[in-house]
Amino acid sequence: MAGYDFDLFTIGAGSGGVSGSRRAASYGARVGICEDSRVGGTCVIRGCVPKKLLVYGAHFAEDFADAAGYGWTVGETRFDWASLIAAKNRETDRLNGIYKKLLADSGVKLYEKRGRIIDPHTVEVGGERFTAERILIATGARPVAPEIPGIEHSISSNEALDLPELPKRVAVVGGGYIAVEFAGIFAALGSAVTLVIRGERVLRGFDEDVRESLTEALSRHGIQIRPRTEIARIDKGAGGLILTTATGATIEVDQVLYATGREPNTRAHSTAFRANTEGVGLENVGIPTDETGAVAVDEWSRTCVPSIYAVGDVTNRLNLTPVAIAEARALAETLFNDNPTKFDPTGVPTAVFSQPPIATVGLTEAEARAEVGAVDVYRARFRPMKHTLTGREERTMMKLVVDRATDRVLGCHMLGADAPEIIQGLAIALKCGATKRQFDQTVGIHPTAAEEFVTMRDKLPDPVAKAAE
């Protein structure tokens, strides 16, 4: 190791890269890391954190309206988009500084320039070359959009976080996490929102009851959903942007946000959202990528080159910030602490900060039926206690999927206020292999929505039985 400049050199200072580098340095490794943007990566600078700050800001619209049901008289309210964006920027600036300090305090050498692999043990950073016994690729992912005429008039979630003003009319194209979250933000803050999706419902891959419940909720919140719709072109007109669908229909808006997917940051690219940049240099060492640009790794995060590893969204496995952190820390344990550790991808909880939010852990009903066969399904739909006085028509949906043969709870799903906070605790129960009987034996906290997860007693009829009714 003494013959190299570093024991580990990390390309990309996002959540995974920073976590793995700091953990490796804590075990005595000499670590370098490079980043050509701001330290903190997508989650801290362009994703989870700033987006959730906007979600918090958007919720005040409902809070002011709800207050009247509880005896409060709220005076005239006014929302200032520029003030919210400025406050968000101050927080991301603060976090960027904290991440830099964390690296420095850990003894990790930061290079704020773009890095590129030259050979299995050499990285070039801003024209300077460094050698390392091991190289970690943690470059994350970037938004992509279809190459249709006029796509240059659109924005991605990156630009949506820094718009100079709130658009009066906005189309959000896509039905995944990012699309439904921004649709909710814009709608709550006063924009007229059209959500354009290719399917019938949002959030493909989630449990069908979750998808149905959120699709209904978005409509109740004033979002116009255009199902089974594809945009063929975007034109700039006198009154704004004109979106023409594949069937010839038009939608006129002031802004269009494409949230139709992301791809790993590995190769040279030029998209509607970012100027052309060179890739990370995988071709120099013979590391292949799939059609999306994802780096193939094994369960130890190893690429086909023994000295090079990859974690996080660049591998296109489970693209969640805590997963990237866990993968990177497991790698550091393995390489630098003589503690072989694999990341366990089962039972990973996730949340969508839509309005209302969604959280889920474990298998969907369809996945459970395919995996174990017979399952018992418990589902509750109710109006939250808060809204018995507000008069607002909000609904909560909670669902348990249970293996009929073993009584083990295989999946927990929720749409409603505080769903992410509630499901986090249930994720521990699933990790421990909790059974429905143990859920039933747990005393609920009353009055809360969360207690419904331990009081559901009536099973839904099997699909065949339902079809026969």
Protein backbone atom coordinates (compact mmCIF):
# COMPACT_ATOMS: atom_id res chain seq x y z
CA MET A 1 0.00 0.00 0.00
CA ALA A 2 2.92 2.35 0.69
CA GLY A 3 3.66 2.53 -3.05
CA TYR A 4 0.39 4.32 -3.77
CA ASP A 5 -0.64 7.91 -3.05
CA PHE A 6 -3.84 6.63 -1.40
CA ASP A 7 -5.23 3.39 -0.05
CA LEU A 8 -8.65 4.41 -1.39
CA PHE A 9 -9.65 7.08 -3.88
CA THR A 10 -13.36 7.83 -4.24
CA ILE A 11 -14.90 9.47 -7.29
CA GLY A 12 -18.04 11.28 -6.19
CA ALA A 13 -18.72 13.02 -2.87
CA GLY A 14 -22.39 12.25 -2.40
CA SER A 15 -23.90 10.32 0.49
CA GLY A 16 -22.30 6.99 -0.45
CA GLY A 17 -18.91 8.36 -1.37
CA VAL A 18 -18.60 10.53 1.73
CA SER A 19 -19.80 7.77 4.09
CA GLY A 20 -17.51 5.10 2.70
CA SER A 21 -14.50 7.43 2.60
CA ARG A 22 -14.97 8.61 6.18
CA ARG A 23 -15.46 5.06 7.47
CA ALA A 24 -12.32 3.88 5.64
CA ALA A 25 -10.31 6.81 7.02
CA SER A 26 -11.50 6.02 10.55
CA TYR A 27 -9.74 2.65 10.20
CA GLY A 28 -6.47 4.28 9.24
CA ALA A 29 -6.74 4.27 5.46
CA ARG A 30 -5.27 7.13 3.43
CA VAL A 31 -8.30 8.37 1.50
CA GLY A 32 -8.80 10.90 -1.28
CA ILE A 33 -12.13 11.95 -2.79
CA CYS A 34 -13.08 14.18 -5.69
CA GLU A 35 -16.27 16.00 -6.65
CA ASP A 36 -16.92 18.34 -9.58
CA SER A 37 -20.12 19.74 -8.07
CA ARG A 38 -21.04 20.52 -4.48
CA VAL A 39 -20.17 18.08 -1.70
CA GLY A 40 -23.24 16.23 -0.46
CA GLY A 41 -24.51 14.84 -3.75
CA THR A 42 -28.02 14.51 -5.05
CA CYS A 43 -29.73 13.92 -1.71
CA VAL A 44 -28.28 16.87 0.15
CA ILE A 45 -27.94 19.41 -2.65
CA ARG A 46 -30.43 18.50 -5.42
CA GLY A 47 -32.81 15.90 -3.98
CA CYS A 48 -34.20 14.58 -0.72
CA VAL A 49 -33.28 17.42 1.61
CA PRO A 50 -34.18 20.53 -0.45
CA LYS A 51 -37.25 18.80 -1.84
CA LYS A 52 -38.57 17.95 1.61
CA LEU A 53 -38.00 21.55 2.71
CA LEU A 54 -40.32 22.56 -0.14
CA VAL A 55 -42.81 19.91 1.01
CA TYR A 56 -42.78 21.44 4.50
CA GLY A 57 -43.37 24.86 3.00
CA ALA A 58 -46.24 23.60 0.87
CA HIS A 59 -48.02 22.05 3.88
CA PHE A 60 -48.68 25.45 5.44
CA ALA A 61 -51.38 26.09 2.85
CA GLU A 62 -53.42 23.22 4.31
CA ASP A 63 -52.48 24.10 7.87
CA PHE A 64 -53.86 27.63 7.54
CA ALA A 65 -57.09 26.28 6.05
CA ASP A 66 -57.43 23.56 8.69
CA ALA A 67 -56.94 26.00 11.58
CA ALA A 68 -60.46 27.42 11.13
CA GLY A 69 -61.97 24.07 12.10
CA TYR A 70 -60.23 24.36 15.45
CA GLY A 71 -61.39 27.86 16.30
CA TRP A 72 -58.52 29.84 14.86
CA THR A 73 -59.02 32.92 12.71
CA VAL A 74 -56.07 33.25 10.38
CA GLY A 75 -55.57 36.61 8.75
CA GLU A 76 -54.61 37.25 5.16
CA THR A 77 -51.80 34.95 4.06
CA ARG A 78 -49.33 35.46 1.24
CA PHE A 79 -46.75 33.05 -0.12
CA ASP A 80 -43.41 34.21 -1.50
CA TRP A 81 -41.63 31.56 -3.60
CA ALA A 82 -38.38 33.51 -3.73
CA SER A 83 -38.17 33.61 0.08
CA LEU A 84 -38.67 29.85 0.32
CA ILE A 85 -36.00 29.17 -2.30
CA ALA A 86 -33.56 31.54 -0.57
CA ALA A 87 -34.13 29.79 2.76
CA LYS A 88 -33.66 26.40 1.10
CA ASN A 89 -30.42 27.59 -0.47
CA ARG A 90 -29.08 28.79 2.86
CA GLU A 91 -29.69 25.33 4.31
CA THR A 92 -28.05 23.47 1.42
CA ASP A 93 -25.09 25.86 1.68
CA ARG A 94 -24.84 25.04 5.38
CA LEU A 95 -24.98 21.30 4.70
CA ASN A 96 -22.38 21.58 1.95
CA GLY A 97 -20.05 23.20 4.48
CA ILE A 98 -20.80 20.52 7.07
CA TYR A 99 -20.00 17.72 4.63
CA LYS A 100 -16.70 19.35 3.73
CA LYS A 101 -15.84 19.67 7.43
CA LEU A 102 -16.77 16.03 8.07
CA LEU A 103 -14.34 14.95 5.37
CA ALA A 104 -11.58 17.20 6.67
CA ASP A 105 -12.10 16.12 10.28
CA SER A 106 -11.93 12.49 9.16
CA GLY A 107 -8.62 13.04 7.41
CA VAL A 108 -10.06 12.58 3.90
CA LYS A 109 -8.38 14.75 1.26
CA LEU A 110 -10.98 16.51 -0.90
CA TYR A 111 -10.33 17.56 -4.51
CA GLU A 112 -13.09 19.76 -5.91
CA LYS A 113 -12.63 18.77 -9.53
CA ARG A 114 -13.89 16.07 -11.86
CA GLY A 115 -12.23 12.67 -11.58
CA ARG A 116 -11.61 10.06 -14.26
CA ILE A 117 -10.15 6.56 -14.10
CA ILE A 118 -6.96 6.16 -16.15
CA ASP A 119 -5.99 2.61 -15.19
CA PRO A 120 -6.89 0.15 -12.39
CA HIS A 121 -4.85 2.15 -9.87
CA THR A 122 -4.79 5.71 -11.28
CA VAL A 123 -7.29 8.54 -11.20
CA GLU A 124 -6.91 11.86 -12.99
CA VAL A 125 -8.44 14.84 -11.22
CA GLY A 126 -8.34 18.21 -12.96
CA GLY A 127 -5.21 17.28 -14.88
CA GLU A 128 -3.39 15.87 -11.84
CA ARG A 129 -2.91 12.11 -11.44
CA PHE A 130 -3.09 10.10 -8.22
CA THR A 131 -2.49 6.42 -7.60
CA ALA A 132 -4.58 4.32 -5.24
CA GLU A 133 -4.61 0.68 -4.22
CA ARG A 134 -8.40 0.75 -4.56
CA ILE A 135 -10.82 3.03 -6.39
CA LEU A 136 -14.48 3.56 -5.44
CA ILE A 137 -16.98 4.83 -8.00
CA ALA A 138 -19.83 6.71 -6.27
CA THR A 139 -20.92 9.16 -8.94
CA GLY A 140 -24.68 8.75 -8.48
CA ALA A 141 -27.26 9.35 -11.19
CA ARG A 142 -28.73 12.19 -13.21
CA PRO A 143 -32.17 13.05 -14.66
CA VAL A 144 -32.92 11.98 -18.21
CA ALA A 145 -35.72 12.83 -20.61
CA PRO A 146 -36.87 11.50 -23.97
CA GLU A 147 -35.37 13.09 -27.05
CA ILE A 148 -38.58 14.57 -28.44
CA PRO A 149 -38.85 17.82 -30.40
CA GLY A 150 -38.79 20.76 -28.01
CA ILE A 151 -37.46 18.84 -25.00
CA GLU A 152 -34.99 21.70 -24.47
CA HIS A 153 -37.93 23.77 -23.20
CA SER A 154 -38.41 21.42 -20.25
CA ILE A 155 -36.71 21.30 -16.86
CA SER A 156 -35.68 18.48 -14.53
CA SER A 157 -36.03 18.22 -10.77
CA ASN A 158 -32.65 19.96 -10.50
CA GLU A 159 -33.93 23.15 -12.09
CA ALA A 160 -37.31 22.87 -10.36
CA LEU A 161 -35.57 23.48 -7.04
CA ASP A 162 -34.25 26.83 -8.25
CA LEU A 163 -36.99 28.32 -10.42
CA PRO A 164 -36.95 32.13 -10.17
CA GLU A 165 -40.71 32.20 -9.72
CA LEU A 166 -43.59 29.81 -9.09
CA PRO A 167 -45.23 28.86 -12.40
CA LYS A 168 -48.95 29.55 -12.66
CA ARG A 169 -49.48 26.45 -14.82
CA VAL A 170 -47.14 23.49 -14.75
CA ALA A 171 -47.17 20.06 -16.36
CA VAL A 172 -45.30 17.29 -14.57
CA VAL A 173 -44.49 14.38 -16.87
CA GLY A 174 -43.98 11.09 -15.04
CA GLY A 175 -45.61 9.02 -12.34
CA GLY A 176 -42.78 8.06 -9.99
CA TYR A 177 -41.43 9.41 -6.70
CA ILE A 178 -40.14 12.72 -8.05
CA ALA A 179 -43.15 13.43 -10.24
CA VAL A 180 -45.82 12.99 -7.57
CA GLU A 181 -43.74 14.87 -4.98
CA PHE A 182 -43.28 17.95 -7.17
CA ALA A 183 -46.89 17.80 -8.37
CA GLY A 184 -47.97 18.01 -4.73
CA ILE A 185 -45.58 20.87 -3.95
CA PHE A 186 -46.65 23.01 -6.89
CA ALA A 187 -50.36 22.34 -6.37
CA ALA A 188 -50.28 23.19 -2.66
CA LEU A 189 -48.43 26.44 -3.35
CA GLY A 190 -51.02 27.56 -5.88
CA SER A 191 -49.98 26.32 -9.32
CA ALA A 192 -52.46 24.67 -11.65
CA VAL A 193 -50.87 21.24 -12.07
CA THR A 194 -51.35 18.65 -14.81
CA LEU A 195 -49.75 15.28 -14.12
CA VAL A 196 -49.07 13.36 -17.34
CA ILE A 197 -48.62 9.59 -16.87
CA ARG A 198 -48.32 6.72 -19.33
CA GLY A 199 -50.28 4.26 -17.20
CA GLU A 200 -53.60 4.33 -15.42
CA ARG A 201 -52.16 5.10 -11.97
CA VAL A 202 -49.05 6.62 -10.44
CA LEU A 203 -46.13 4.83 -8.73
CA ARG A 204 -45.65 1.72 -10.84
CA GLY A 205 -44.14 -1.05 -8.72
CA PHE A 206 -45.89 -0.08 -5.51
CA ASP A 207 -48.77 -2.01 -3.97
CA GLU A 208 -51.94 -1.59 -6.02
CA ASP A 209 -53.96 -0.26 -3.07
CA VAL A 210 -51.28 2.37 -2.47
CA ARG A 211 -51.30 3.36 -6.14
CA GLU A 212 -55.08 3.61 -6.27
CA SER A 213 -55.29 5.58 -3.02
CA LEU A 214 -52.65 8.12 -4.04
CA THR A 215 -54.09 8.59 -7.52
CA GLU A 216 -57.45 9.43 -5.92
CA ALA A 217 -55.82 11.72 -3.36
CA LEU A 218 -53.92 13.68 -5.99
CA SER A 219 -57.17 14.35 -7.83
CA ARG A 220 -58.81 15.51 -4.59
CA HIS A 221 -55.95 17.96 -4.16
CA GLY A 222 -56.81 19.58 -7.48
CA ILE A 223 -54.16 17.93 -9.64
CA GLN A 224 -55.44 17.10 -13.11
CA ILE A 225 -54.21 13.63 -14.02
CA ARG A 226 -53.85 12.74 -17.69
CA PRO A 227 -53.54 8.91 -17.76
CA ARG A 228 -52.42 6.84 -20.75
CA THR A 229 -50.77 9.93 -22.23
CA GLU A 230 -47.44 10.48 -23.94
CA ILE A 231 -46.04 13.83 -25.00
CA ALA A 232 -44.92 13.88 -28.64
CA ARG A 233 -43.52 17.42 -28.82
CA ILE A 234 -43.17 20.70 -26.94
CA ASP A 235 -43.51 24.07 -28.68
CA LYS A 236 -43.04 27.57 -27.40
CA GLY A 237 -46.13 29.65 -28.03
CA ALA A 238 -47.12 33.24 -27.33
CA GLY A 239 -48.93 32.25 -24.14
CA GLY A 240 -46.50 29.66 -22.84
CA LEU A 241 -45.46 26.12 -23.71
CA ILE A 242 -47.71 23.91 -25.80
CA LEU A 243 -47.44 20.16 -25.18
CA THR A 244 -48.82 18.01 -27.97
CA THR A 245 -49.69 14.43 -27.06
CA ALA A 246 -49.30 11.34 -29.23
CA THR A 247 -53.04 11.53 -30.00
CA GLY A 248 -52.85 15.19 -31.08
CA ALA A 249 -54.36 16.76 -27.95
CA THR A 250 -52.65 19.84 -26.51
CA ILE A 251 -51.84 21.06 -23.01
CA GLU A 252 -50.78 24.68 -22.51
CA VAL A 253 -48.60 25.50 -19.51
CA ASP A 254 -45.96 27.94 -18.33
CA GLN A 255 -43.49 25.27 -17.28
CA VAL A 256 -42.99 21.55 -17.91
CA LEU A 257 -41.05 19.31 -15.53
CA TYR A 258 -39.85 15.96 -16.81
CA ALA A 259 -39.49 13.32 -14.09
CA THR A 260 -39.41 10.23 -16.28
CA GLY A 261 -36.30 8.61 -14.91
CA ARG A 262 -32.64 8.86 -14.00
CA GLU A 263 -29.52 7.16 -15.31
CA PRO A 264 -26.15 6.41 -13.70
CA ASN A 265 -23.39 9.01 -14.01
CA THR A 266 -20.78 6.92 -15.80
CA ARG A 267 -20.43 7.88 -19.42
CA ALA A 268 -20.21 10.96 -21.57
CA HIS A 269 -23.60 12.53 -22.08
CA SER A 270 -25.46 15.48 -23.48
CA THR A 271 -29.10 15.83 -22.52
CA ALA A 272 -31.74 18.50 -22.37
CA PHE A 273 -30.75 19.07 -18.75
CA ARG A 274 -26.95 19.19 -18.87
CA ALA A 275 -24.19 20.10 -21.28
CA ASN A 276 -21.90 17.42 -22.63
CA THR A 277 -19.36 16.09 -20.15
CA GLU A 278 -16.87 13.27 -20.36
CA GLY A 279 -17.49 9.96 -18.64
CA VAL A 280 -15.80 8.48 -15.61
CA GLY A 281 -13.28 6.49 -17.68
CA LEU A 282 -14.69 2.97 -17.39
CA GLU A 283 -13.64 2.24 -20.95
CA ASN A 284 -10.01 2.67 -19.91
CA VAL A 285 -10.20 -0.34 -17.60
CA GLY A 286 -12.73 -2.49 -19.44
CA ILE A 287 -15.62 -2.14 -16.98
CA PRO A 288 -18.86 -2.69 -18.92
CA THR A 289 -22.17 -0.96 -18.25
CA ASP A 290 -25.71 -1.93 -19.11
CA GLU A 291 -28.01 0.03 -21.42
CA THR A 292 -28.64 2.64 -18.71
CA GLY A 293 -24.96 3.12 -17.91
CA ALA A 294 -25.10 1.17 -14.63
CA VAL A 295 -21.92 -0.44 -13.33
CA ALA A 296 -22.31 -4.17 -12.67
CA VAL A 297 -21.11 -5.21 -9.21
CA ASP A 298 -21.38 -8.32 -7.06
CA GLU A 299 -22.78 -8.57 -3.53
CA TRP A 300 -19.51 -7.12 -2.20
CA SER A 301 -19.78 -4.06 -4.50
CA ARG A 302 -16.86 -5.35 -6.60
CA THR A 303 -16.63 -4.61 -10.32
CA CYS A 304 -14.92 -6.98 -12.77
CA VAL A 305 -11.66 -5.12 -12.08
CA PRO A 306 -10.33 -6.37 -8.69
CA SER A 307 -9.16 -2.94 -7.51
CA ILE A 308 -12.32 -1.01 -8.46
CA TYR A 309 -15.65 -0.92 -6.58
CA ALA A 310 -18.95 0.92 -7.00
CA VAL A 311 -21.82 1.81 -4.67
CA GLY A 312 -25.06 3.76 -4.77
CA ASP A 313 -27.18 4.91 -7.69
CA VAL A 314 -24.34 4.40 -10.18
CA THR A 315 -24.98 0.65 -9.82
CA ASN A 316 -28.76 1.07 -10.33
CA ARG A 317 -29.66 -1.47 -7.64
CA LEU A 318 -31.74 0.06 -4.82
CA ASN A 319 -31.50 3.77 -5.56
CA LEU A 320 -32.04 5.19 -2.08
CA THR A 321 -29.70 7.40 -0.07
CA PRO A 322 -29.58 5.18 3.05
CA VAL A 323 -28.82 2.19 0.83
CA ALA A 324 -25.83 3.97 -0.75
CA ILE A 325 -24.57 4.82 2.73
CA ALA A 326 -25.02 1.24 3.95
CA GLU A 327 -23.31 -0.23 0.86
CA ALA A 328 -20.35 2.12 1.26
CA ARG A 329 -19.95 1.45 4.97
CA ALA A 330 -20.12 -2.30 4.38
CA LEU A 331 -17.36 -1.94 1.80
CA ALA A 332 -15.16 0.04 4.20
CA GLU A 333 -15.71 -2.61 6.89
CA THR A 334 -14.67 -5.33 4.45
CA LEU A 335 -11.62 -3.62 3.01
CA PHE A 336 -10.20 -1.72 5.96
CA ASN A 337 -11.52 -3.25 9.21
CA ASP A 338 -11.04 -6.98 8.54
CA ASN A 339 -14.80 -7.36 8.98
CA PRO A 340 -16.31 -8.87 5.80
CA THR A 341 -19.73 -7.24 5.50
CA LYS A 342 -22.41 -7.48 2.84
CA PHE A 343 -25.32 -5.09 2.57
CA ASP A 344 -28.63 -6.92 3.04
CA PRO A 345 -31.08 -5.58 0.41
CA THR A 346 -34.15 -7.29 1.89
CA GLY A 347 -36.72 -5.39 3.91
CA VAL A 348 -35.61 -1.91 2.91
CA PRO A 349 -38.32 0.65 3.75
CA THR A 350 -39.03 3.62 1.51
CA ALA A 351 -41.19 6.73 1.54
CA VAL A 352 -42.68 9.03 -1.05
CA PHE A 353 -43.22 12.56 0.23
CA SER A 354 -46.31 13.11 -1.83
CA GLN A 355 -49.30 14.88 -0.32
CA PRO A 356 -50.44 12.81 1.50
CA PRO A 357 -47.20 10.84 1.94
CA ILE A 358 -46.66 7.14 1.35
CA ALA A 359 -44.39 4.69 3.12
CA THR A 360 -43.90 1.00 2.60
CA VAL A 361 -41.70 -1.89 3.68
CA GLY A 362 -41.59 -5.48 2.50
CA LEU A 363 -43.56 -7.15 -0.27
CA THR A 364 -46.57 -5.83 -2.14
CA GLU A 365 -49.63 -8.06 -2.21
CA ALA A 366 -48.83 -9.15 -5.77
CA GLU A 367 -45.19 -9.91 -4.91
CA ALA A 368 -46.22 -11.89 -1.83
CA ARG A 369 -48.73 -14.01 -3.75
CA ALA A 370 -46.08 -14.75 -6.38
CA GLU A 371 -43.46 -15.61 -3.76
CA VAL A 372 -45.33 -17.61 -1.11
CA GLY A 373 -48.73 -18.36 -2.62
CA ALA A 374 -51.54 -17.98 -0.10
CA VAL A 375 -51.54 -14.72 1.84
CA ASP A 376 -53.90 -12.96 4.22
CA VAL A 377 -54.52 -9.29 3.52
CA TYR A 378 -55.73 -6.75 6.07
CA ARG A 379 -56.66 -3.26 4.97
CA ALA A 380 -58.11 -0.21 6.68
CA ARG A 381 -59.41 2.98 5.11
CA PHE A 382 -60.58 5.82 7.30
CA ARG A 383 -60.83 9.55 7.70
CA PRO A 384 -58.04 10.80 10.01
CA MET A 385 -59.25 12.14 13.35
CA LYS A 386 -57.75 15.56 12.59
CA HIS A 387 -60.12 16.08 9.69
CA THR A 388 -63.31 15.34 11.58
CA LEU A 389 -63.14 19.04 12.50
CA THR A 390 -61.40 20.53 9.47
CA GLY A 391 -64.06 19.30 7.06
CA ARG A 392 -61.42 18.35 4.52
CA GLU A 393 -61.97 15.06 2.72
CA GLU A 394 -58.72 13.25 3.43
CA ARG A 395 -58.37 9.48 3.67
CA THR A 396 -55.76 7.21 5.20
CA MET A 397 -55.06 3.73 3.86
CA MET A 398 -53.12 1.08 5.81
CA LYS A 399 -52.41 -2.48 4.73
CA LEU A 400 -50.73 -5.62 6.02
CA VAL A 401 -49.75 -8.59 3.85
CA VAL A 402 -49.27 -11.82 5.83
CA ASP A 403 -47.94 -15.25 4.85
CA ARG A 404 -50.89 -17.55 5.58
CA ALA A 405 -48.69 -20.58 6.25
CA THR A 406 -46.30 -18.97 8.74
CA ASP A 407 -48.29 -15.93 9.97
CA ARG A 408 -45.22 -13.79 9.24
CA VAL A 409 -45.93 -10.21 8.16
CA LEU A 410 -44.44 -9.78 4.70
CA GLY A 411 -45.43 -6.22 3.89
CA CYS A 412 -46.69 -3.02 5.52
CA HIS A 413 -48.07 -0.20 3.39
CA MET A 414 -49.53 3.18 4.30
CA LEU A 415 -50.81 6.34 2.70
CA GLY A 416 -51.57 9.19 5.08
CA ALA A 417 -50.11 11.76 7.44
CA ASP A 418 -46.91 10.62 9.19
CA ALA A 419 -46.71 7.43 7.12
CA PRO A 420 -42.87 7.59 6.83
CA GLU A 421 -42.46 8.05 10.60
CA ILE A 422 -44.79 5.11 11.33
CA ILE A 423 -43.37 2.68 8.77
CA GLN A 424 -39.81 3.23 10.00
CA GLY A 425 -40.70 1.47 13.23
CA LEU A 426 -42.57 -1.31 11.46
CA ALA A 427 -39.50 -1.92 9.30
CA ILE A 428 -37.70 -3.08 12.44
CA ALA A 429 -40.53 -5.50 13.20
CA LEU A 430 -40.34 -6.99 9.70
CA LYS A 431 -36.56 -7.28 9.96
CA CYS A 432 -37.10 -9.28 13.14
CA GLY A 433 -39.60 -11.59 11.41
CA ALA A 434 -42.67 -10.42 13.34
CA THR A 435 -45.91 -12.35 12.94
CA LYS A 436 -49.45 -11.05 12.66
CA ARG A 437 -50.15 -12.58 16.09
CA GLN A 438 -47.37 -10.46 17.56
CA PHE A 439 -48.82 -7.37 15.89
CA ASP A 440 -52.20 -8.32 17.44
CA GLN A 441 -50.64 -8.75 20.87
CA THR A 442 -49.10 -5.28 20.75
CA VAL A 443 -51.07 -2.60 22.57
CA GLY A 444 -51.86 0.39 20.41
CA ILE A 445 -51.30 4.02 21.35
CA HIS A 446 -54.68 5.74 21.37
CA PRO A 447 -55.77 7.90 19.67
CA THR A 448 -53.29 7.59 16.81
CA ALA A 449 -53.42 6.43 13.24
CA ALA A 450 -50.49 4.09 13.92
CA GLU A 451 -52.57 1.95 16.29
CA GLU A 452 -54.55 0.69 13.30
CA PHE A 453 -51.60 -1.51 12.38
CA VAL A 454 -52.08 -3.51 15.59
CA THR A 455 -55.88 -3.54 15.62
CA MET A 456 -56.73 -4.81 12.13
CA ARG A 457 -58.62 -8.10 12.55
CA ASP A 458 -60.76 -8.69 9.46
CA LYS A 459 -59.08 -10.35 6.49
CA LEU A 460 -60.06 -9.36 2.98
CA PRO A 461 -61.57 -12.14 0.88
CA ASP A 462 -59.22 -13.85 -1.54
CA PRO A 463 -59.27 -12.46 -5.10
CA VAL A 464 -61.14 -15.52 -6.40
CA ALA A 465 -63.77 -15.12 -3.71
CA LYS A 466 -64.16 -11.46 -4.56
CA ALA A 467 -64.58 -12.21 -8.24
CA ALA A 468 -67.33 -14.74 -7.45
CA GLU A 469 -69.41 -12.27 -5.42
